[in-house]
Amino acid sequence: VALDDKPLFTTGVVSGLLGINPKTLINYENAGLLRV
């Protein structure tokens, strides 16, 4: 798997890095915007 596609970061880490609520990330996934 290419490094850019390797799943490495948890929801908490990503939400902290990007300043996004973890629930928002789940909403993006549920809306089909992300395939986590």
Full PDB file with SEQRES, HELIX, SHEET, SSBOND, CRYST1, ORIGX, SCALE, CONECT and MASTER records, all heavy atoms in Angstrom:
SEQRES   1 A   36  VAL ALA LEU ASP ASP LYS PRO LEU PHE THR THR GLY VAL          
SEQRES   2 A   36  VAL SER GLY LEU LEU GLY ILE ASN PRO LYS THR LEU ILE          
SEQRES   3 A   36  ASN TYR GLU ASN ALA GLY LEU LEU ARG VAL                      
HELIX    1 AA1 LEU A    3  ASP A    5  5                                   3    
HELIX    2 AA2 THR A   11  LEU A   18  1                                   8    
HELIX    3 AA3 PRO A   22  ASN A   30  1                                   9    
CRYST1    1.000    1.000    1.000  90.00  90.00  90.00 P 1           1          
ORIGX1      1.000000  0.000000  0.000000        0.00000                         
ORIGX2      0.000000  1.000000  0.000000        0.00000                         
ORIGX3      0.000000  0.000000  1.000000        0.00000                         
SCALE1      1.000000  0.000000  0.000000        0.00000                         
SCALE2      0.000000  1.000000  0.000000        0.00000                         
SCALE3      0.000000  0.000000  1.000000        0.00000                         
ATOM      1  N   VAL A   1       0.856  -1.188   0.000  1.00  0.00           N  
ATOM      2  CA  VAL A   1       0.000   0.000   0.000  1.00  0.00           C  
ATOM      3  C   VAL A   1       0.892   1.237   0.000  1.00  0.00           C  
ATOM      4  O   VAL A   1       1.835   1.334   0.785  1.00  0.00           O  
ATOM      5  CB  VAL A   1      -0.915   0.001   1.248  1.00  0.00           C  
ATOM      6  CG1 VAL A   1      -1.741   1.265   1.317  1.00  0.00           C  
ATOM      7  CG2 VAL A   1      -1.806  -1.227   1.263  1.00  0.00           C  
ATOM      8  N   ALA A   2       0.603   2.172  -0.898  1.00  0.00           N  
ATOM      9  CA  ALA A   2       1.361   3.424  -0.942  1.00  0.00           C  
ATOM     10  C   ALA A   2       1.203   4.157   0.386  1.00  0.00           C  
ATOM     11  O   ALA A   2       0.146   4.083   1.019  1.00  0.00           O  
ATOM     12  CB  ALA A   2       0.881   4.289  -2.091  1.00  0.00           C  
ATOM     13  N   LEU A   3       2.230   4.864   0.792  1.00  0.00           N  
ATOM     14  CA  LEU A   3       2.212   5.555   2.085  1.00  0.00           C  
ATOM     15  C   LEU A   3       1.029   6.508   2.196  1.00  0.00           C  
ATOM     16  O   LEU A   3       0.415   6.609   3.255  1.00  0.00           O  
ATOM     17  CB  LEU A   3       3.527   6.306   2.304  1.00  0.00           C  
ATOM     18  CG  LEU A   3       3.699   6.972   3.664  1.00  0.00           C  
ATOM     19  CD1 LEU A   3       3.568   5.941   4.791  1.00  0.00           C  
ATOM     20  CD2 LEU A   3       5.032   7.650   3.759  1.00  0.00           C  
ATOM     21  N   ASP A   4       0.670   7.185   1.115  1.00  0.00           N  
ATOM     22  CA  ASP A   4      -0.453   8.125   1.164  1.00  0.00           C  
ATOM     23  C   ASP A   4      -1.778   7.425   1.414  1.00  0.00           C  
ATOM     24  O   ASP A   4      -2.730   8.040   1.882  1.00  0.00           O  
ATOM     25  CB  ASP A   4      -0.548   8.924  -0.132  1.00  0.00           C  
ATOM     26  CG  ASP A   4       0.516   9.995  -0.220  1.00  0.00           C  
ATOM     27  OD1 ASP A   4       1.151  10.307   0.805  1.00  0.00           O  
ATOM     28  OD2 ASP A   4       0.721  10.527  -1.320  1.00  0.00           O  
ATOM     29  N   ASP A   5      -1.880   6.149   1.071  1.00  0.00           N  
ATOM     30  CA  ASP A   5      -3.123   5.400   1.231  1.00  0.00           C  
ATOM     31  C   ASP A   5      -3.130   4.505   2.475  1.00  0.00           C  
ATOM     32  O   ASP A   5      -4.132   3.862   2.752  1.00  0.00           O  
ATOM     33  CB  ASP A   5      -3.378   4.539  -0.009  1.00  0.00           C  
ATOM     34  CG  ASP A   5      -3.652   5.381  -1.241  1.00  0.00           C  
ATOM     35  OD1 ASP A   5      -4.357   6.407  -1.113  1.00  0.00           O  
ATOM     36  OD2 ASP A   5      -3.164   5.023  -2.327  1.00  0.00           O  
ATOM     37  N   LYS A   6      -2.032   4.467   3.180  1.00  0.00           N  
ATOM     38  CA  LYS A   6      -1.935   3.596   4.350  1.00  0.00           C  
ATOM     39  C   LYS A   6      -2.714   4.200   5.520  1.00  0.00           C  
ATOM     40  O   LYS A   6      -2.461   5.340   5.913  1.00  0.00           O  
ATOM     41  CB  LYS A   6      -0.468   3.402   4.737  1.00  0.00           C  
ATOM     42  CG  LYS A   6      -0.278   2.362   5.789  1.00  0.00           C  
ATOM     43  CD  LYS A   6       1.183   2.038   5.960  1.00  0.00           C  
ATOM     44  CE  LYS A   6       1.298   0.917   6.956  1.00  0.00           C  
ATOM     45  NZ  LYS A   6       2.447   0.097   6.710  1.00  0.00           N  
ATOM     46  N   PRO A   7      -3.680   3.462   6.072  1.00  0.00           N  
ATOM     47  CA  PRO A   7      -4.456   3.986   7.200  1.00  0.00           C  
ATOM     48  C   PRO A   7      -3.626   4.013   8.481  1.00  0.00           C  
ATOM     49  O   PRO A   7      -3.276   2.983   9.022  1.00  0.00           O  
ATOM     50  CB  PRO A   7      -5.627   3.009   7.314  1.00  0.00           C  
ATOM     51  CG  PRO A   7      -5.190   1.771   6.618  1.00  0.00           C  
ATOM     52  CD  PRO A   7      -4.121   2.140   5.654  1.00  0.00           C  
ATOM     53  N   LEU A   8      -3.309   5.225   8.927  1.00  0.00           N  
ATOM     54  CA  LEU A   8      -2.409   5.395  10.067  1.00  0.00           C  
ATOM     55  C   LEU A   8      -2.994   6.178  11.235  1.00  0.00           C  
ATOM     56  O   LEU A   8      -2.548   6.019  12.368  1.00  0.00           O  
ATOM     57  CB  LEU A   8      -1.146   6.144   9.611  1.00  0.00           C  
ATOM     58  CG  LEU A   8      -0.287   5.499   8.534  1.00  0.00           C  
ATOM     59  CD1 LEU A   8       0.767   6.494   8.033  1.00  0.00           C  
ATOM     60  CD2 LEU A   8       0.377   4.254   9.084  1.00  0.00           C  
ATOM     61  N   PHE A   9      -3.953   7.051  10.961  1.00  0.00           N  
ATOM     62  CA  PHE A   9      -4.384   8.041  11.946  1.00  0.00           C  
ATOM     63  C   PHE A   9      -5.778   7.744  12.473  1.00  0.00           C  
ATOM     64  O   PHE A   9      -6.702   7.496  11.703  1.00  0.00           O  
ATOM     65  CB  PHE A   9      -4.360   9.437  11.320  1.00  0.00           C  
ATOM     66  CG  PHE A   9      -3.055   9.786  10.664  1.00  0.00           C  
ATOM     67  CD1 PHE A   9      -2.886   9.664   9.302  1.00  0.00           C  
ATOM     68  CD2 PHE A   9      -1.976  10.213  11.425  1.00  0.00           C  
ATOM     69  CE1 PHE A   9      -1.681   9.976   8.686  1.00  0.00           C  
ATOM     70  CE2 PHE A   9      -0.757  10.516  10.832  1.00  0.00           C  
ATOM     71  CZ  PHE A   9      -0.611  10.394   9.460  1.00  0.00           C  
ATOM     72  N   THR A  10      -5.926   7.828  13.784  1.00  0.00           N  
ATOM     73  CA  THR A  10      -7.234   7.598  14.403  1.00  0.00           C  
ATOM     74  C   THR A  10      -8.131   8.827  14.257  1.00  0.00           C  
ATOM     75  O   THR A  10      -7.663   9.919  13.924  1.00  0.00           O  
ATOM     76  CB  THR A  10      -7.076   7.289  15.906  1.00  0.00           C  
ATOM     77  OG1 THR A  10      -6.528   8.446  16.546  1.00  0.00           O  
ATOM     78  CG2 THR A  10      -6.205   6.073  16.141  1.00  0.00           C  
ATOM     79  N   THR A  11      -9.391   8.641  14.545  1.00  0.00           N  
ATOM     80  CA  THR A  11     -10.348   9.744  14.488  1.00  0.00           C  
ATOM     81  C   THR A  11      -9.916  10.886  15.396  1.00  0.00           C  
ATOM     82  O   THR A  11      -9.978  12.055  15.009  1.00  0.00           O  
ATOM     83  CB  THR A  11     -11.756   9.252  14.898  1.00  0.00           C  
ATOM     84  OG1 THR A  11     -12.133   8.187  14.030  1.00  0.00           O  
ATOM     85  CG2 THR A  11     -12.778  10.355  14.840  1.00  0.00           C  
ATOM     86  N   GLY A  12      -9.469  10.569  16.598  1.00  0.00           N  
ATOM     87  CA  GLY A  12      -9.046  11.597  17.539  1.00  0.00           C  
ATOM     88  C   GLY A  12      -7.860  12.409  17.038  1.00  0.00           C  
ATOM     89  O   GLY A  12      -7.831  13.629  17.177  1.00  0.00           O  
ATOM     90  N   VAL A  13      -6.908  11.742  16.428  1.00  0.00           N  
ATOM     91  CA  VAL A  13      -5.733  12.426  15.896  1.00  0.00           C  
ATOM     92  C   VAL A  13      -6.142  13.338  14.740  1.00  0.00           C  
ATOM     93  O   VAL A  13      -5.754  14.510  14.689  1.00  0.00           O  
ATOM     94  CB  VAL A  13      -4.663  11.406  15.441  1.00  0.00           C  
ATOM     95  CG1 VAL A  13      -3.563  12.086  14.651  1.00  0.00           C  
ATOM     96  CG2 VAL A  13      -4.081  10.672  16.641  1.00  0.00           C  
ATOM     97  N   VAL A  14      -6.937  12.818  13.816  1.00  0.00           N  
ATOM     98  CA  VAL A  14      -7.357  13.610  12.651  1.00  0.00           C  
ATOM     99  C   VAL A  14      -8.201  14.802  13.084  1.00  0.00           C  
ATOM    100  O   VAL A  14      -7.992  15.921  12.612  1.00  0.00           O  
ATOM    101  CB  VAL A  14      -8.113  12.734  11.628  1.00  0.00           C  
ATOM    102  CG1 VAL A  14      -8.702  13.574  10.510  1.00  0.00           C  
ATOM    103  CG2 VAL A  14      -7.185  11.679  11.056  1.00  0.00           C  
ATOM    104  N   SER A  15      -9.136  14.584  13.991  1.00  0.00           N  
ATOM    105  CA  SER A  15      -9.978  15.697  14.435  1.00  0.00           C  
ATOM    106  C   SER A  15      -9.149  16.765  15.132  1.00  0.00           C  
ATOM    107  O   SER A  15      -9.375  17.961  14.951  1.00  0.00           O  
ATOM    108  CB  SER A  15     -11.114  15.203  15.330  1.00  0.00           C  
ATOM    109  OG  SER A  15     -10.626  14.713  16.552  1.00  0.00           O  
ATOM    110  N   GLY A  16      -8.144  16.355  15.902  1.00  0.00           N  
ATOM    111  CA  GLY A  16      -7.271  17.307  16.562  1.00  0.00           C  
ATOM    112  C   GLY A  16      -6.398  18.082  15.586  1.00  0.00           C  
ATOM    113  O   GLY A  16      -6.230  19.297  15.713  1.00  0.00           O  
ATOM    114  N   LEU A  17      -5.850  17.391  14.603  1.00  0.00           N  
ATOM    115  CA  LEU A  17      -5.000  18.038  13.605  1.00  0.00           C  
ATOM    116  C   LEU A  17      -5.761  19.062  12.771  1.00  0.00           C  
ATOM    117  O   LEU A  17      -5.249  20.123  12.451  1.00  0.00           O  
ATOM    118  CB  LEU A  17      -4.413  16.995  12.650  1.00  0.00           C  
ATOM    119  CG  LEU A  17      -3.253  16.154  13.134  1.00  0.00           C  
ATOM    120  CD1 LEU A  17      -2.940  15.060  12.126  1.00  0.00           C  
ATOM    121  CD2 LEU A  17      -2.028  17.019  13.352  1.00  0.00           C  
ATOM    122  N   LEU A  18      -6.999  18.716  12.412  1.00  0.00           N  
ATOM    123  CA  LEU A  18      -7.763  19.548  11.483  1.00  0.00           C  
ATOM    124  C   LEU A  18      -8.769  20.462  12.156  1.00  0.00           C  
ATOM    125  O   LEU A  18      -9.417  21.268  11.489  1.00  0.00           O  
ATOM    126  CB  LEU A  18      -8.483  18.658  10.466  1.00  0.00           C  
ATOM    127  CG  LEU A  18      -7.593  17.707   9.658  1.00  0.00           C  
ATOM    128  CD1 LEU A  18      -8.430  16.912   8.673  1.00  0.00           C  
ATOM    129  CD2 LEU A  18      -6.486  18.466   8.954  1.00  0.00           C  
ATOM    130  N   GLY A  19      -8.901  20.345  13.472  1.00  0.00           N  
ATOM    131  CA  GLY A  19      -9.860  21.181  14.184  1.00  0.00           C  
ATOM    132  C   GLY A  19     -11.301  20.855  13.822  1.00  0.00           C  
ATOM    133  O   GLY A  19     -12.131  21.749  13.688  1.00  0.00           O  
ATOM    134  N   ILE A  20     -11.576  19.576  13.645  1.00  0.00           N  
ATOM    135  CA  ILE A  20     -12.906  19.109  13.265  1.00  0.00           C  
ATOM    136  C   ILE A  20     -13.425  18.192  14.368  1.00  0.00           C  
ATOM    137  O   ILE A  20     -12.696  17.327  14.864  1.00  0.00           O  
ATOM    138  CB  ILE A  20     -12.856  18.335  11.930  1.00  0.00           C  
ATOM    139  CG1 ILE A  20     -12.429  19.248  10.794  1.00  0.00           C  
ATOM    140  CG2 ILE A  20     -14.184  17.687  11.621  1.00  0.00           C  
ATOM    141  CD1 ILE A  20     -12.263  18.543   9.468  1.00  0.00           C  
ATOM    142  N   ASN A  21     -14.682  18.345  14.711  1.00  0.00           N  
ATOM    143  CA  ASN A  21     -15.314  17.475  15.687  1.00  0.00           C  
ATOM    144  C   ASN A  21     -15.322  16.039  15.148  1.00  0.00           C  
ATOM    145  O   ASN A  21     -15.618  15.830  13.971  1.00  0.00           O  
ATOM    146  CB  ASN A  21     -16.746  17.971  15.922  1.00  0.00           C  
ATOM    147  CG  ASN A  21     -17.414  17.267  17.061  1.00  0.00           C  
ATOM    148  OD1 ASN A  21     -17.520  16.050  17.086  1.00  0.00           O  
ATOM    149  ND2 ASN A  21     -17.889  18.053  18.012  1.00  0.00           N  
ATOM    150  N   PRO A  22     -15.008  15.049  15.986  1.00  0.00           N  
ATOM    151  CA  PRO A  22     -15.043  13.656  15.522  1.00  0.00           C  
ATOM    152  C   PRO A  22     -16.388  13.261  14.904  1.00  0.00           C  
ATOM    153  O   PRO A  22     -16.438  12.494  13.946  1.00  0.00           O  
ATOM    154  CB  PRO A  22     -14.759  12.846  16.789  1.00  0.00           C  
ATOM    155  CG  PRO A  22     -14.004  13.772  17.669  1.00  0.00           C  
ATOM    156  CD  PRO A  22     -14.545  15.155  17.370  1.00  0.00           C  
ATOM    157  N   LYS A  23     -17.471  13.788  15.436  1.00  0.00           N  
ATOM    158  CA  LYS A  23     -18.797  13.483  14.883  1.00  0.00           C  
ATOM    159  C   LYS A  23     -18.915  13.991  13.450  1.00  0.00           C  
ATOM    160  O   LYS A  23     -19.585  13.372  12.606  1.00  0.00           O  
ATOM    161  CB  LYS A  23     -19.884  14.100  15.775  1.00  0.00           C  
ATOM    162  CG  LYS A  23     -21.287  13.854  15.318  1.00  0.00           C  
ATOM    163  CD  LYS A  23     -21.639  12.376  15.363  1.00  0.00           C  
ATOM    164  CE  LYS A  23     -23.098  12.198  14.946  1.00  0.00           C  
ATOM    165  NZ  LYS A  23     -23.361  10.866  14.439  1.00  0.00           N  
ATOM    166  N   THR A  24     -18.255  15.097  13.133  1.00  0.00           N  
ATOM    167  CA  THR A  24     -18.267  15.621  11.767  1.00  0.00           C  
ATOM    168  C   THR A  24     -17.617  14.633  10.819  1.00  0.00           C  
ATOM    169  O   THR A  24     -18.107  14.408   9.708  1.00  0.00           O  
ATOM    170  CB  THR A  24     -17.547  16.984  11.712  1.00  0.00           C  
ATOM    171  OG1 THR A  24     -18.213  17.885  12.590  1.00  0.00           O  
ATOM    172  CG2 THR A  24     -17.536  17.551  10.311  1.00  0.00           C  
ATOM    173  N   LEU A  25     -16.523  14.021  11.238  1.00  0.00           N  
ATOM    174  CA  LEU A  25     -15.870  13.011  10.405  1.00  0.00           C  
ATOM    175  C   LEU A  25     -16.795  11.824  10.162  1.00  0.00           C  
ATOM    176  O   LEU A  25     -16.860  11.294   9.047  1.00  0.00           O  
ATOM    177  CB  LEU A  25     -14.566  12.553  11.062  1.00  0.00           C  
ATOM    178  CG  LEU A  25     -13.485  13.614  11.220  1.00  0.00           C  
ATOM    179  CD1 LEU A  25     -12.325  13.085  12.050  1.00  0.00           C  
ATOM    180  CD2 LEU A  25     -13.000  14.096   9.859  1.00  0.00           C  
ATOM    181  N   ILE A  26     -17.520  11.428  11.183  1.00  0.00           N  
ATOM    182  CA  ILE A  26     -18.483  10.340  11.037  1.00  0.00           C  
ATOM    183  C   ILE A  26     -19.601  10.758  10.082  1.00  0.00           C  
ATOM    184  O   ILE A  26     -20.040   9.968   9.238  1.00  0.00           O  
ATOM    185  CB  ILE A  26     -19.040   9.924  12.418  1.00  0.00           C  
ATOM    186  CG1 ILE A  26     -17.914   9.328  13.266  1.00  0.00           C  
ATOM    187  CG2 ILE A  26     -20.202   8.947  12.274  1.00  0.00           C  
ATOM    188  CD1 ILE A  26     -18.248   9.146  14.720  1.00  0.00           C  
ATOM    189  N   ASN A  27     -20.051  11.998  10.184  1.00  0.00           N  
ATOM    190  CA  ASN A  27     -21.074  12.497   9.265  1.00  0.00           C  
ATOM    191  C   ASN A  27     -20.585  12.467   7.821  1.00  0.00           C  
ATOM    192  O   ASN A  27     -21.338  12.107   6.912  1.00  0.00           O  
ATOM    193  CB  ASN A  27     -21.505  13.918   9.634  1.00  0.00           C  
ATOM    194  CG  ASN A  27     -22.299  13.985  10.906  1.00  0.00           C  
ATOM    195  OD1 ASN A  27     -22.853  12.990  11.369  1.00  0.00           O  
ATOM    196  ND2 ASN A  27     -22.342  15.157  11.514  1.00  0.00           N  
ATOM    197  N   TYR A  28     -19.329  12.849   7.591  1.00  0.00           N  
ATOM    198  CA  TYR A  28     -18.759  12.792   6.239  1.00  0.00           C  
ATOM    199  C   TYR A  28     -18.765  11.355   5.720  1.00  0.00           C  
ATOM    200  O   TYR A  28     -19.088  11.099   4.562  1.00  0.00           O  
ATOM    201  CB  TYR A  28     -17.323  13.315   6.223  1.00  0.00           C  
ATOM    202  CG  TYR A  28     -17.139  14.797   6.469  1.00  0.00           C  
ATOM    203  CD1 TYR A  28     -15.866  15.316   6.657  1.00  0.00           C  
ATOM    204  CD2 TYR A  28     -18.209  15.690   6.523  1.00  0.00           C  
ATOM    205  CE1 TYR A  28     -15.651  16.669   6.873  1.00  0.00           C  
ATOM    206  CE2 TYR A  28     -18.007  17.040   6.750  1.00  0.00           C  
ATOM    207  CZ  TYR A  28     -16.729  17.525   6.922  1.00  0.00           C  
ATOM    208  OH  TYR A  28     -16.529  18.870   7.134  1.00  0.00           O  
ATOM    209  N   GLU A  29     -18.406  10.432   6.593  1.00  0.00           N  
ATOM    210  CA  GLU A  29     -18.405   9.021   6.205  1.00  0.00           C  
ATOM    211  C   GLU A  29     -19.821   8.540   5.901  1.00  0.00           C  
ATOM    212  O   GLU A  29     -20.061   7.904   4.870  1.00  0.00           O  
ATOM    213  CB  GLU A  29     -17.779   8.170   7.310  1.00  0.00           C  
ATOM    214  CG  GLU A  29     -17.719   6.695   6.966  1.00  0.00           C  
ATOM    215  CD  GLU A  29     -17.186   5.841   8.095  1.00  0.00           C  
ATOM    216  OE1 GLU A  29     -17.054   6.331   9.243  1.00  0.00           O  
ATOM    217  OE2 GLU A  29     -16.903   4.672   7.831  1.00  0.00           O  
ATOM    218  N   ASN A  30     -20.757   8.861   6.773  1.00  0.00           N  
ATOM    219  CA  ASN A  30     -22.146   8.437   6.578  1.00  0.00           C  
ATOM    220  C   ASN A  30     -22.768   9.032   5.323  1.00  0.00           C  
ATOM    221  O   ASN A  30     -23.646   8.415   4.706  1.00  0.00           O  
ATOM    222  CB  ASN A  30     -22.997   8.790   7.805  1.00  0.00           C  
ATOM    223  CG  ASN A  30     -22.635   7.958   9.017  1.00  0.00           C  
ATOM    224  OD1 ASN A  30     -22.034   6.894   8.899  1.00  0.00           O  
ATOM    225  ND2 ASN A  30     -22.975   8.452  10.189  1.00  0.00           N  
ATOM    226  N   ALA A  31     -22.323  10.221   4.941  1.00  0.00           N  
ATOM    227  CA  ALA A  31     -22.840  10.878   3.741  1.00  0.00           C  
ATOM    228  C   ALA A  31     -22.192  10.326   2.468  1.00  0.00           C  
ATOM    229  O   ALA A  31     -22.572  10.707   1.361  1.00  0.00           O  
ATOM    230  CB  ALA A  31     -22.596  12.386   3.833  1.00  0.00           C  
ATOM    231  N   GLY A  32     -21.202   9.453   2.626  1.00  0.00           N  
ATOM    232  CA  GLY A  32     -20.537   8.871   1.473  1.00  0.00           C  
ATOM    233  C   GLY A  32     -19.407   9.711   0.918  1.00  0.00           C  
ATOM    234  O   GLY A  32     -18.930   9.456  -0.191  1.00  0.00           O  
ATOM    235  N   LEU A  33     -18.961  10.711   1.674  1.00  0.00           N  
ATOM    236  CA  LEU A  33     -17.870  11.563   1.223  1.00  0.00           C  
ATOM    237  C   LEU A  33     -16.507  10.934   1.481  1.00  0.00           C  
ATOM    238  O   LEU A  33     -15.522  11.284   0.839  1.00  0.00           O  
ATOM    239  CB  LEU A  33     -17.938  12.928   1.912  1.00  0.00           C  
ATOM    240  CG  LEU A  33     -19.217  13.730   1.691  1.00  0.00           C  
ATOM    241  CD1 LEU A  33     -19.178  15.017   2.498  1.00  0.00           C  
ATOM    242  CD2 LEU A  33     -19.432  14.009   0.215  1.00  0.00           C  
ATOM    243  N   LEU A  34     -16.458  10.006   2.422  1.00  0.00           N  
ATOM    244  CA  LEU A  34     -15.221   9.308   2.782  1.00  0.00           C  
ATOM    245  C   LEU A  34     -15.485   7.815   2.858  1.00  0.00           C  
ATOM    246  O   LEU A  34     -16.572   7.399   3.261  1.00  0.00           O  
ATOM    247  CB  LEU A  34     -14.727   9.741   4.170  1.00  0.00           C  
ATOM    248  CG  LEU A  34     -14.261  11.143   4.390  1.00  0.00           C  
ATOM    249  CD1 LEU A  34     -14.033  11.381   5.880  1.00  0.00           C  
ATOM    250  CD2 LEU A  34     -12.983  11.401   3.633  1.00  0.00           C  
ATOM    251  N   ARG A  35     -14.481   7.046   2.497  1.00  0.00           N  
ATOM    252  CA  ARG A  35     -14.503   5.598   2.739  1.00  0.00           C  
ATOM    253  C   ARG A  35     -13.348   5.320   3.684  1.00  0.00           C  
ATOM    254  O   ARG A  35     -12.202   5.211   3.257  1.00  0.00           O  
ATOM    255  CB  ARG A  35     -14.329   4.825   1.440  1.00  0.00           C  
ATOM    256  CG  ARG A  35     -15.520   4.926   0.557  1.00  0.00           C  
ATOM    257  CD  ARG A  35     -15.378   3.995  -0.647  1.00  0.00           C  
ATOM    258  NE  ARG A  35     -16.246   4.488  -1.686  1.00  0.00           N  
ATOM    259  CZ  ARG A  35     -15.866   4.797  -2.901  1.00  0.00           C  
ATOM    260  NH1 ARG A  35     -14.614   4.651  -3.256  1.00  0.00           N  
ATOM    261  NH2 ARG A  35     -16.725   5.250  -3.773  1.00  0.00           N  
ATOM    262  N   VAL A  36     -13.657   5.221   4.945  1.00  0.00           N  
ATOM    263  CA  VAL A  36     -12.638   5.104   5.987  1.00  0.00           C  
ATOM    264  C   VAL A  36     -12.317   3.640   6.236  1.00  0.00           C  
ATOM    265  O   VAL A  36     -13.204   2.789   6.246  1.00  0.00           O  
ATOM    266  CB  VAL A  36     -13.137   5.776   7.288  1.00  0.00           C  
ATOM    267  CG1 VAL A  36     -12.118   5.650   8.389  1.00  0.00           C  
ATOM    268  CG2 VAL A  36     -13.465   7.237   7.035  1.00  0.00           C  
TER     269      VAL A  36                                                      
MASTER        0    0    0    3    0    0    0    6  268    1    0    3          
END                                                                             
